[in-house]
PDB file of all heavy atoms in Angstrom:
ATOM      1  N   VAL A   1     -34.914 -44.808 -38.859  1.00  0.00           N
ATOM      2  CA  VAL A   1     -34.711 -45.486 -37.503  1.00  0.00           C
ATOM      3  C   VAL A   1     -33.201 -45.858 -37.348  1.00  0.00           C
ATOM      4  O   VAL A   1     -32.678 -46.363 -38.273  1.00  0.00           O
ATOM      5  CB  VAL A   1     -35.651 -46.744 -37.385  1.00  0.00           C
ATOM      6  CG1 VAL A   1     -35.399 -47.412 -36.010  1.00  0.00           C
ATOM      7  CG2 VAL A   1     -37.104 -46.293 -37.534  1.00  0.00           C
ATOM      8  N   ALA A   2     -32.722 -45.552 -36.166  1.00  0.00           N
ATOM      9  CA  ALA A   2     -31.290 -45.978 -35.922  1.00  0.00           C
ATOM     10  C   ALA A   2     -31.185 -47.496 -35.845  1.00  0.00           C
ATOM     11  O   ALA A   2     -32.149 -48.228 -35.597  1.00  0.00           O
ATOM     12  CB  ALA A   2     -30.872 -45.414 -34.551  1.00  0.00           C
ATOM     13  N   PRO A   3     -29.979 -48.033 -36.112  1.00  0.00           N
ATOM     14  CA  PRO A   3     -29.767 -49.441 -36.043  1.00  0.00           C
ATOM     15  C   PRO A   3     -30.202 -50.053 -34.703  1.00  0.00           C
ATOM     16  O   PRO A   3     -29.914 -49.485 -33.652  1.00  0.00           O
ATOM     17  CB  PRO A   3     -28.254 -49.617 -36.291  1.00  0.00           C
ATOM     18  CG  PRO A   3     -27.936 -48.360 -37.086  1.00  0.00           C
ATOM     19  CD  PRO A   3     -28.725 -47.270 -36.575  1.00  0.00           C
ATOM     20  N   GLU A   4     -30.914 -51.212 -34.779  1.00  0.00           N
ATOM     21  CA  GLU A   4     -31.357 -51.843 -33.615  1.00  0.00           C
ATOM     22  C   GLU A   4     -31.037 -53.381 -33.765  1.00  0.00           C
ATOM     23  O   GLU A   4     -31.794 -54.193 -34.306  1.00  0.00           O
ATOM     24  CB  GLU A   4     -32.891 -51.708 -33.376  1.00  0.00           C
ATOM     25  CG  GLU A   4     -33.291 -50.309 -33.177  1.00  0.00           C
ATOM     26  CD  GLU A   4     -34.818 -50.201 -32.848  1.00  0.00           C
ATOM     27  OE1 GLU A   4     -35.560 -51.161 -33.035  1.00  0.00           O
ATOM     28  OE2 GLU A   4     -35.233 -49.066 -32.396  1.00  0.00           O
ATOM     29  N   PRO A   5     -29.942 -53.846 -33.276  1.00  0.00           N
ATOM     30  CA  PRO A   5     -29.475 -55.198 -33.366  1.00  0.00           C
ATOM     31  C   PRO A   5     -30.374 -56.180 -32.635  1.00  0.00           C
ATOM     32  O   PRO A   5     -30.311 -57.357 -32.852  1.00  0.00           O
ATOM     33  CB  PRO A   5     -28.038 -55.170 -32.843  1.00  0.00           C
ATOM     34  CG  PRO A   5     -27.941 -54.013 -31.934  1.00  0.00           C
ATOM     35  CD  PRO A   5     -28.822 -53.000 -32.595  1.00  0.00           C
ATOM     36  N   TRP A   6     -31.150 -55.724 -31.730  1.00  0.00           N
ATOM     37  CA  TRP A   6     -32.089 -56.588 -30.979  1.00  0.00           C
ATOM     38  C   TRP A   6     -33.366 -56.820 -31.603  1.00  0.00           C
ATOM     39  O   TRP A   6     -34.198 -57.661 -31.200  1.00  0.00           O
ATOM     40  CB  TRP A   6     -32.327 -55.869 -29.602  1.00  0.00           C
ATOM     41  CG  TRP A   6     -32.845 -54.476 -29.702  1.00  0.00           C
ATOM     42  CD1 TRP A   6     -34.169 -54.073 -29.897  1.00  0.00           C
ATOM     43  CD2 TRP A   6     -32.127 -53.309 -29.655  1.00  0.00           C
ATOM     44  NE1 TRP A   6     -34.242 -52.686 -30.006  1.00  0.00           N
ATOM     45  CE2 TRP A   6     -32.971 -52.193 -29.844  1.00  0.00           C
ATOM     46  CE3 TRP A   6     -30.730 -53.028 -29.431  1.00  0.00           C
ATOM     47  CZ2 TRP A   6     -32.561 -50.868 -29.855  1.00  0.00           C
ATOM     48  CZ3 TRP A   6     -30.301 -51.706 -29.522  1.00  0.00           C
ATOM     49  CH2 TRP A   6     -31.212 -50.602 -29.733  1.00  0.00           C
ATOM     50  N   HIS A   7     -33.696 -56.122 -32.637  1.00  0.00           N
ATOM     51  CA  HIS A   7     -34.995 -56.187 -33.334  1.00  0.00           C
ATOM     52  C   HIS A   7     -34.931 -57.129 -34.578  1.00  0.00           C
ATOM     53  O   HIS A   7     -34.291 -56.886 -35.490  1.00  0.00           O
ATOM     54  CB  HIS A   7     -35.347 -54.742 -33.811  1.00  0.00           C
ATOM     55  CG  HIS A   7     -36.806 -54.620 -34.400  1.00  0.00           C
ATOM     56  ND1 HIS A   7     -37.651 -53.721 -33.954  1.00  0.00           N
ATOM     57  CD2 HIS A   7     -37.426 -55.409 -35.280  1.00  0.00           C
ATOM     58  CE1 HIS A   7     -38.837 -53.821 -34.612  1.00  0.00           C
ATOM     59  NE2 HIS A   7     -38.734 -54.926 -35.495  1.00  0.00           N
ATOM     60  N   ILE A   8     -35.700 -58.244 -34.421  1.00  0.00           N
ATOM     61  CA  ILE A   8     -35.733 -59.160 -35.520  1.00  0.00           C
ATOM     62  C   ILE A   8     -37.254 -59.234 -36.099  1.00  0.00           C
ATOM     63  O   ILE A   8     -38.175 -58.943 -35.333  1.00  0.00           O
ATOM     64  CB  ILE A   8     -35.308 -60.579 -35.174  1.00  0.00           C
ATOM     65  CG1 ILE A   8     -36.252 -61.225 -34.103  1.00  0.00           C
ATOM     66  CG2 ILE A   8     -33.861 -60.501 -34.640  1.00  0.00           C
ATOM     67  CD1 ILE A   8     -35.900 -62.660 -33.857  1.00  0.00           C
ATOM     68  N   SER A   9     -37.307 -59.585 -37.299  1.00  0.00           N
ATOM     69  CA  SER A   9     -38.660 -59.590 -37.999  1.00  0.00           C
ATOM     70  C   SER A   9     -38.807 -60.795 -38.852  1.00  0.00           C
ATOM     71  O   SER A   9     -37.905 -61.242 -39.514  1.00  0.00           O
ATOM     72  CB  SER A   9     -38.760 -58.241 -38.839  1.00  0.00           C
ATOM     73  OG  SER A   9     -40.030 -58.238 -39.545  1.00  0.00           O
ATOM     74  N   HIS A  10     -40.031 -61.371 -38.850  1.00  0.00           N
ATOM     75  CA  HIS A  10     -40.302 -62.514 -39.730  1.00  0.00           C
ATOM     76  C   HIS A  10     -40.410 -61.966 -41.178  1.00  0.00           C
ATOM     77  O   HIS A  10     -41.267 -61.078 -41.462  1.00  0.00           O
ATOM     78  CB  HIS A  10     -41.544 -63.212 -39.289  1.00  0.00           C
ATOM     79  CG  HIS A  10     -41.726 -64.544 -39.953  1.00  0.00           C
ATOM     80  ND1 HIS A  10     -42.344 -64.691 -41.120  1.00  0.00           N
ATOM     81  CD2 HIS A  10     -41.285 -65.802 -39.699  1.00  0.00           C
ATOM     82  CE1 HIS A  10     -42.380 -65.992 -41.553  1.00  0.00           C
ATOM     83  NE2 HIS A  10     -41.786 -66.624 -40.684  1.00  0.00           N
ATOM     84  N   ILE A  11     -39.597 -62.540 -42.113  1.00  0.00           N
ATOM     85  CA  ILE A  11     -39.491 -62.023 -43.453  1.00  0.00           C
ATOM     86  C   ILE A  11     -40.849 -61.990 -44.167  1.00  0.00           C
ATOM     87  O   ILE A  11     -41.319 -60.983 -44.687  1.00  0.00           O
ATOM     88  CB  ILE A  11     -38.434 -62.718 -44.226  1.00  0.00           C
ATOM     89  CG1 ILE A  11     -37.018 -62.534 -43.606  1.00  0.00           C
ATOM     90  CG2 ILE A  11     -38.424 -62.309 -45.675  1.00  0.00           C
ATOM     91  CD1 ILE A  11     -35.963 -63.419 -44.194  1.00  0.00           C
ATOM     92  N   VAL A  12     -41.455 -63.188 -44.190  1.00  0.00           N
ATOM     93  CA  VAL A  12     -42.623 -63.334 -45.077  1.00  0.00           C
ATOM     94  C   VAL A  12     -43.871 -62.580 -44.490  1.00  0.00           C
ATOM     95  O   VAL A  12     -44.486 -61.861 -45.120  1.00  0.00           O
ATOM     96  CB  VAL A  12     -42.971 -64.821 -45.229  1.00  0.00           C
ATOM     97  CG1 VAL A  12     -44.310 -64.986 -45.970  1.00  0.00           C
ATOM     98  CG2 VAL A  12     -41.864 -65.450 -46.058  1.00  0.00           C
ATOM     99  N   GLN A  13     -44.109 -62.855 -43.224  1.00  0.00           N
ATOM    100  CA  GLN A  13     -45.383 -62.305 -42.632  1.00  0.00           C
ATOM    101  C   GLN A  13     -45.334 -60.820 -42.434  1.00  0.00           C
ATOM    102  O   GLN A  13     -46.344 -60.116 -42.499  1.00  0.00           O
ATOM    103  CB  GLN A  13     -45.671 -63.051 -41.264  1.00  0.00           C
ATOM    104  CG  GLN A  13     -45.963 -64.511 -41.416  1.00  0.00           C
ATOM    105  CD  GLN A  13     -47.088 -64.878 -42.411  1.00  0.00           C
ATOM    106  OE1 GLN A  13     -48.048 -64.070 -42.540  1.00  0.00           O
ATOM    107  NE2 GLN A  13     -46.957 -65.930 -43.209  1.00  0.00           N
ATOM    108  N   SER A  14     -44.122 -60.268 -42.072  1.00  0.00           N
ATOM    109  CA  SER A  14     -44.023 -58.841 -41.935  1.00  0.00           C
ATOM    110  C   SER A  14     -44.187 -58.099 -43.264  1.00  0.00           C
ATOM    111  O   SER A  14     -44.820 -57.042 -43.304  1.00  0.00           O
ATOM    112  CB  SER A  14     -42.725 -58.444 -41.289  1.00  0.00           C
ATOM    113  OG  SER A  14     -41.591 -58.758 -42.188  1.00  0.00           O
ATOM    114  N   ASP A  15     -43.688 -58.786 -44.328  1.00  0.00           N
ATOM    115  CA  ASP A  15     -43.865 -58.142 -45.715  1.00  0.00           C
ATOM    116  C   ASP A  15     -45.339 -58.186 -46.066  1.00  0.00           C
ATOM    117  O   ASP A  15     -45.820 -57.228 -46.636  1.00  0.00           O
ATOM    118  CB  ASP A  15     -43.091 -59.017 -46.656  1.00  0.00           C
ATOM    119  CG  ASP A  15     -43.140 -58.363 -48.072  1.00  0.00           C
ATOM    120  OD1 ASP A  15     -42.693 -57.256 -48.263  1.00  0.00           O
ATOM    121  OD2 ASP A  15     -43.683 -59.099 -48.997  1.00  0.00           O
ATOM    122  N   ILE A  16     -46.070 -59.221 -45.762  1.00  0.00           N
ATOM    123  CA  ILE A  16     -47.483 -59.240 -46.058  1.00  0.00           C
ATOM    124  C   ILE A  16     -48.217 -58.201 -45.446  1.00  0.00           C
ATOM    125  O   ILE A  16     -48.998 -57.453 -46.060  1.00  0.00           O
ATOM    126  CB  ILE A  16     -48.150 -60.640 -45.666  1.00  0.00           C
ATOM    127  CG1 ILE A  16     -47.548 -61.810 -46.580  1.00  0.00           C
ATOM    128  CG2 ILE A  16     -49.601 -60.643 -45.702  1.00  0.00           C
ATOM    129  CD1 ILE A  16     -47.953 -63.163 -46.186  1.00  0.00           C
ATOM    130  N   LEU A  17     -47.961 -57.964 -44.115  1.00  0.00           N
ATOM    131  CA  LEU A  17     -48.645 -56.946 -43.379  1.00  0.00           C
ATOM    132  C   LEU A  17     -48.188 -55.545 -43.762  1.00  0.00           C
ATOM    133  O   LEU A  17     -49.070 -54.659 -43.920  1.00  0.00           O
ATOM    134  CB  LEU A  17     -48.397 -57.164 -41.863  1.00  0.00           C
ATOM    135  CG  LEU A  17     -49.320 -58.258 -41.282  1.00  0.00           C
ATOM    136  CD1 LEU A  17     -48.951 -58.497 -39.904  1.00  0.00           C
ATOM    137  CD2 LEU A  17     -50.758 -57.886 -41.386  1.00  0.00           C
ATOM    138  N   GLN A  18     -46.927 -55.333 -44.141  1.00  0.00           N
ATOM    139  CA  GLN A  18     -46.552 -54.074 -44.602  1.00  0.00           C
ATOM    140  C   GLN A  18     -47.197 -53.623 -45.850  1.00  0.00           C
ATOM    141  O   GLN A  18     -47.468 -52.476 -46.076  1.00  0.00           O
ATOM    142  CB  GLN A  18     -44.945 -53.979 -44.781  1.00  0.00           C
ATOM    143  CG  GLN A  18     -44.472 -52.641 -44.952  1.00  0.00           C
ATOM    144  CD  GLN A  18     -42.989 -52.525 -44.842  1.00  0.00           C
ATOM    145  OE1 GLN A  18     -42.229 -53.297 -45.486  1.00  0.00           O
ATOM    146  NE2 GLN A  18     -42.453 -51.575 -44.107  1.00  0.00           N
ATOM    147  N   GLN A  19     -47.486 -54.613 -46.717  1.00  0.00           N
ATOM    148  CA  GLN A  19     -48.231 -54.315 -47.963  1.00  0.00           C
ATOM    149  C   GLN A  19     -49.598 -53.898 -47.693  1.00  0.00           C
ATOM    150  O   GLN A  19     -50.255 -53.283 -48.593  1.00  0.00           O
ATOM    151  CB  GLN A  19     -48.181 -55.547 -48.817  1.00  0.00           C
ATOM    152  CG  GLN A  19     -46.772 -55.869 -49.404  1.00  0.00           C
ATOM    153  CD  GLN A  19     -46.790 -57.030 -50.355  1.00  0.00           C
ATOM    154  OE1 GLN A  19     -47.739 -57.303 -51.071  1.00  0.00           O
ATOM    155  NE2 GLN A  19     -45.743 -57.860 -50.310  1.00  0.00           N
ATOM    156  N   HIS A  20     -50.180 -54.249 -46.518  1.00  0.00           N
ATOM    157  CA  HIS A  20     -51.571 -53.801 -46.160  1.00  0.00           C
ATOM    158  C   HIS A  20     -51.637 -52.584 -45.352  1.00  0.00           C
ATOM    159  O   HIS A  20     -52.686 -52.134 -44.930  1.00  0.00           O
ATOM    160  CB  HIS A  20     -52.265 -55.014 -45.518  1.00  0.00           C
ATOM    161  CG  HIS A  20     -52.687 -56.072 -46.425  1.00  0.00           C
ATOM    162  ND1 HIS A  20     -51.928 -57.154 -46.719  1.00  0.00           N
ATOM    163  CD2 HIS A  20     -53.881 -56.227 -47.128  1.00  0.00           C
ATOM    164  CE1 HIS A  20     -52.604 -57.943 -47.598  1.00  0.00           C
ATOM    165  NE2 HIS A  20     -53.773 -57.387 -47.809  1.00  0.00           N
ATOM    166  N   GLN A  21     -50.406 -52.016 -45.082  1.00  0.00           N
ATOM    167  CA  GLN A  21     -50.465 -50.753 -44.320  1.00  0.00           C
ATOM    168  C   GLN A  21     -51.190 -49.661 -45.238  1.00  0.00           C
ATOM    169  O   GLN A  21     -50.972 -49.666 -46.401  1.00  0.00           O
ATOM    170  CB  GLN A  21     -49.097 -50.277 -44.000  1.00  0.00           C
ATOM    171  CG  GLN A  21     -48.482 -50.896 -42.726  1.00  0.00           C
ATOM    172  CD  GLN A  21     -47.102 -50.333 -42.397  1.00  0.00           C
ATOM    173  OE1 GLN A  21     -46.303 -50.091 -43.277  1.00  0.00           O
ATOM    174  NE2 GLN A  21     -46.882 -50.247 -41.186  1.00  0.00           N
ATOM    175  N   SER A  22     -51.899 -48.774 -44.564  1.00  0.00           N
ATOM    176  CA  SER A  22     -52.662 -47.805 -45.334  1.00  0.00           C
ATOM    177  C   SER A  22     -52.442 -46.426 -44.691  1.00  0.00           C
ATOM    178  O   SER A  22     -52.721 -46.247 -43.419  1.00  0.00           O
ATOM    179  CB  SER A  22     -54.122 -48.143 -45.346  1.00  0.00           C
ATOM    180  OG  SER A  22     -54.910 -47.003 -45.714  1.00  0.00           O
ATOM    181  N   LEU A  23     -51.973 -45.491 -45.416  1.00  0.00           N
ATOM    182  CA  LEU A  23     -51.811 -44.050 -44.832  1.00  0.00           C
ATOM    183  C   LEU A  23     -53.181 -43.542 -44.451  1.00  0.00           C
ATOM    184  O   LEU A  23     -53.214 -42.788 -43.478  1.00  0.00           O
ATOM    185  CB  LEU A  23     -51.133 -43.176 -45.887  1.00  0.00           C
ATOM    186  CG  LEU A  23     -49.660 -43.032 -45.841  1.00  0.00           C
ATOM    187  CD1 LEU A  23     -49.149 -42.173 -46.935  1.00  0.00           C
ATOM    188  CD2 LEU A  23     -49.257 -42.431 -44.519  1.00  0.00           C
ATOM    189  N   THR A  24     -54.174 -43.910 -45.124  1.00  0.00           N
ATOM    190  CA  THR A  24     -55.522 -43.433 -44.808  1.00  0.00           C
ATOM    191  C   THR A  24     -55.970 -43.911 -43.440  1.00  0.00           C
ATOM    192  O   THR A  24     -56.459 -43.169 -42.579  1.00  0.00           O
ATOM    193  CB  THR A  24     -56.489 -43.820 -45.898  1.00  0.00           C
ATOM    194  OG1 THR A  24     -56.160 -43.211 -47.095  1.00  0.00           O
ATOM    195  CG2 THR A  24     -57.922 -43.309 -45.485  1.00  0.00           C
ATOM    196  N   VAL A  25     -55.847 -45.248 -43.258  1.00  0.00           N
ATOM    197  CA  VAL A  25     -56.215 -45.785 -41.957  1.00  0.00           C
ATOM    198  C   VAL A  25     -55.347 -45.304 -40.893  1.00  0.00           C
ATOM    199  O   VAL A  25     -55.773 -45.026 -39.747  1.00  0.00           O
ATOM    200  CB  VAL A  25     -56.094 -47.359 -42.068  1.00  0.00           C
ATOM    201  CG1 VAL A  25     -56.339 -48.010 -40.710  1.00  0.00           C
ATOM    202  CG2 VAL A  25     -57.141 -47.984 -43.090  1.00  0.00           C
ATOM    203  N   LEU A  26     -54.079 -45.146 -41.159  1.00  0.00           N
ATOM    204  CA  LEU A  26     -53.099 -44.654 -40.149  1.00  0.00           C
ATOM    205  C   LEU A  26     -53.441 -43.213 -39.696  1.00  0.00           C
ATOM    206  O   LEU A  26     -53.565 -42.905 -38.558  1.00  0.00           O
ATOM    207  CB  LEU A  26     -51.671 -44.645 -40.693  1.00  0.00           C
ATOM    208  CG  LEU A  26     -50.613 -44.052 -39.814  1.00  0.00           C
ATOM    209  CD1 LEU A  26     -50.534 -44.759 -38.413  1.00  0.00           C
ATOM    210  CD2 LEU A  26     -49.238 -44.156 -40.466  1.00  0.00           C
ATOM    211  N   ALA A  27     -53.754 -42.423 -40.737  1.00  0.00           N
ATOM    212  CA  ALA A  27     -54.205 -41.000 -40.431  1.00  0.00           C
ATOM    213  C   ALA A  27     -55.490 -40.971 -39.616  1.00  0.00           C
ATOM    214  O   ALA A  27     -55.582 -40.239 -38.698  1.00  0.00           O
ATOM    215  CB  ALA A  27     -54.396 -40.237 -41.734  1.00  0.00           C
ATOM    216  N   ASP A  28     -56.415 -41.823 -39.983  1.00  0.00           N
ATOM    217  CA  ASP A  28     -57.718 -41.902 -39.197  1.00  0.00           C
ATOM    218  C   ASP A  28     -57.458 -42.256 -37.817  1.00  0.00           C
ATOM    219  O   ASP A  28     -58.084 -41.746 -36.866  1.00  0.00           O
ATOM    220  CB  ASP A  28     -58.681 -42.759 -39.912  1.00  0.00           C
ATOM    221  CG  ASP A  28     -59.236 -42.200 -41.197  1.00  0.00           C
ATOM    222  OD1 ASP A  28     -59.124 -40.953 -41.362  1.00  0.00           O
ATOM    223  OD2 ASP A  28     -59.819 -42.951 -41.958  1.00  0.00           O
ATOM    224  N   THR A  29     -56.644 -43.276 -37.584  1.00  0.00           N
ATOM    225  CA  THR A  29     -56.257 -43.824 -36.278  1.00  0.00           C
ATOM    226  C   THR A  29     -55.575 -42.735 -35.403  1.00  0.00           C
ATOM    227  O   THR A  29     -55.949 -42.503 -34.265  1.00  0.00           O
ATOM    228  CB  THR A  29     -55.340 -45.051 -36.373  1.00  0.00           C
ATOM    229  OG1 THR A  29     -55.935 -46.056 -37.096  1.00  0.00           O
ATOM    230  CG2 THR A  29     -55.017 -45.603 -34.983  1.00  0.00           C
ATOM    231  N   ILE A  30     -54.646 -42.013 -35.972  1.00  0.00           N
ATOM    232  CA  ILE A  30     -54.001 -40.922 -35.273  1.00  0.00           C
ATOM    233  C   ILE A  30     -54.959 -39.796 -34.935  1.00  0.00           C
ATOM    234  O   ILE A  30     -55.023 -39.196 -33.841  1.00  0.00           O
ATOM    235  CB  ILE A  30     -52.798 -40.450 -35.985  1.00  0.00           C
ATOM    236  CG1 ILE A  30     -51.687 -41.534 -36.099  1.00  0.00           C
ATOM    237  CG2 ILE A  30     -52.135 -39.160 -35.405  1.00  0.00           C
ATOM    238  CD1 ILE A  30     -50.566 -41.299 -36.970  1.00  0.00           C
ATOM    239  N   ASN A  31     -55.774 -39.417 -35.940  1.00  0.00           N
ATOM    240  CA  ASN A  31     -56.680 -38.307 -35.799  1.00  0.00           C
ATOM    241  C   ASN A  31     -57.705 -38.579 -34.652  1.00  0.00           C
ATOM    242  O   ASN A  31     -58.115 -37.663 -33.998  1.00  0.00           O
ATOM    243  CB  ASN A  31     -57.436 -38.072 -37.060  1.00  0.00           C
ATOM    244  CG  ASN A  31     -58.232 -36.740 -37.100  1.00  0.00           C
ATOM    245  OD1 ASN A  31     -57.703 -35.780 -36.698  1.00  0.00           O
ATOM    246  ND2 ASN A  31     -59.510 -36.863 -37.549  1.00  0.00           N
ATOM    247  N   ASN A  32     -58.039 -39.835 -34.483  1.00  0.00           N
ATOM    248  CA  ASN A  32     -59.015 -40.141 -33.442  1.00  0.00           C
ATOM    249  C   ASN A  32     -58.411 -40.542 -32.107  1.00  0.00           C
ATOM    250  O   ASN A  32     -59.047 -41.198 -31.256  1.00  0.00           O
ATOM    251  CB  ASN A  32     -59.939 -41.379 -33.891  1.00  0.00           C
ATOM    252  CG  ASN A  32     -60.804 -40.944 -35.071  1.00  0.00           C
ATOM    253  OD1 ASN A  32     -61.378 -39.906 -35.015  1.00  0.00           O
ATOM    254  ND2 ASN A  32     -60.923 -41.792 -36.058  1.00  0.00           N
ATOM    255  N   SER A  33     -57.091 -40.144 -31.875  1.00  0.00           N
ATOM    256  CA  SER A  33     -56.378 -40.537 -30.702  1.00  0.00           C
ATOM    257  C   SER A  33     -56.032 -39.248 -29.916  1.00  0.00           C
ATOM    258  O   SER A  33     -56.344 -38.117 -30.381  1.00  0.00           O
ATOM    259  CB  SER A  33     -55.044 -41.155 -31.093  1.00  0.00           C
ATOM    260  OG  SER A  33     -54.166 -40.271 -31.697  1.00  0.00           O
ATOM    261  N   GLN A  34     -55.452 -39.442 -28.778  1.00  0.00           N
ATOM    262  CA  GLN A  34     -54.994 -38.315 -27.953  1.00  0.00           C
ATOM    263  C   GLN A  34     -53.470 -38.271 -28.066  1.00  0.00           C
ATOM    264  O   GLN A  34     -52.793 -37.945 -27.098  1.00  0.00           O
ATOM    265  CB  GLN A  34     -55.400 -38.560 -26.510  1.00  0.00           C
ATOM    266  CG  GLN A  34     -56.910 -38.660 -26.285  1.00  0.00           C
ATOM    267  CD  GLN A  34     -57.582 -37.302 -26.738  1.00  0.00           C
ATOM    268  OE1 GLN A  34     -57.143 -36.257 -26.396  1.00  0.00           O
ATOM    269  NE2 GLN A  34     -58.745 -37.448 -27.428  1.00  0.00           N
ATOM    270  N   LEU A  35     -52.926 -38.444 -29.197  1.00  0.00           N
ATOM    271  CA  LEU A  35     -51.425 -38.527 -29.373  1.00  0.00           C
ATOM    272  C   LEU A  35     -50.879 -37.092 -29.348  1.00  0.00           C
ATOM    273  O   LEU A  35     -51.404 -36.157 -29.901  1.00  0.00           O
ATOM    274  CB  LEU A  35     -51.149 -39.054 -30.756  1.00  0.00           C
ATOM    275  CG  LEU A  35     -49.915 -39.871 -30.938  1.00  0.00           C
ATOM    276  CD1 LEU A  35     -49.838 -41.047 -29.953  1.00  0.00           C
ATOM    277  CD2 LEU A  35     -49.735 -40.365 -32.372  1.00  0.00           C
ATOM    278  N   ALA A  36     -49.824 -36.942 -28.516  1.00  0.00           N
ATOM    279  CA  ALA A  36     -49.148 -35.693 -28.370  1.00  0.00           C
ATOM    280  C   ALA A  36     -48.526 -35.312 -29.716  1.00  0.00           C
ATOM    281  O   ALA A  36     -47.871 -36.196 -30.384  1.00  0.00           O
ATOM    282  CB  ALA A  36     -48.081 -35.792 -27.247  1.00  0.00           C
ATOM    283  N   GLY A  37     -48.671 -33.983 -30.076  1.00  0.00           N
ATOM    284  CA  GLY A  37     -48.061 -33.621 -31.344  1.00  0.00           C
ATOM    285  C   GLY A  37     -48.901 -33.926 -32.560  1.00  0.00           C
ATOM    286  O   GLY A  37     -48.343 -33.962 -33.644  1.00  0.00           O
ATOM    287  N   LYS A  38     -50.167 -34.287 -32.297  1.00  0.00           N
ATOM    288  CA  LYS A  38     -50.958 -34.865 -33.401  1.00  0.00           C
ATOM    289  C   LYS A  38     -51.051 -33.949 -34.663  1.00  0.00           C
ATOM    290  O   LYS A  38     -50.972 -34.438 -35.742  1.00  0.00           O
ATOM    291  CB  LYS A  38     -52.360 -35.141 -32.849  1.00  0.00           C
ATOM    292  CG  LYS A  38     -53.376 -35.686 -33.909  1.00  0.00           C
ATOM    293  CD  LYS A  38     -54.531 -36.293 -33.208  1.00  0.00           C
ATOM    294  CE  LYS A  38     -55.417 -35.276 -32.537  1.00  0.00           C
ATOM    295  NZ  LYS A  38     -56.665 -35.749 -31.981  1.00  0.00           N
ATOM    296  N   ALA A  39     -51.136 -32.612 -34.450  1.00  0.00           N
ATOM    297  CA  ALA A  39     -51.315 -31.746 -35.557  1.00  0.00           C
ATOM    298  C   ALA A  39     -50.043 -31.768 -36.451  1.00  0.00           C
ATOM    299  O   ALA A  39     -50.146 -31.805 -37.681  1.00  0.00           O
ATOM    300  CB  ALA A  39     -51.524 -30.363 -35.104  1.00  0.00           C
TER     301      ALA A  39
END
């Protein structure tokens, strides 16, 4: 991602959620969507 000086993030809570990101859940979410370029 290109530098975004306007984008700020809460250190502790964003880290907690990032640790719970799941490629499997993300793939299922995208697969069940109408996202352009899905394949």
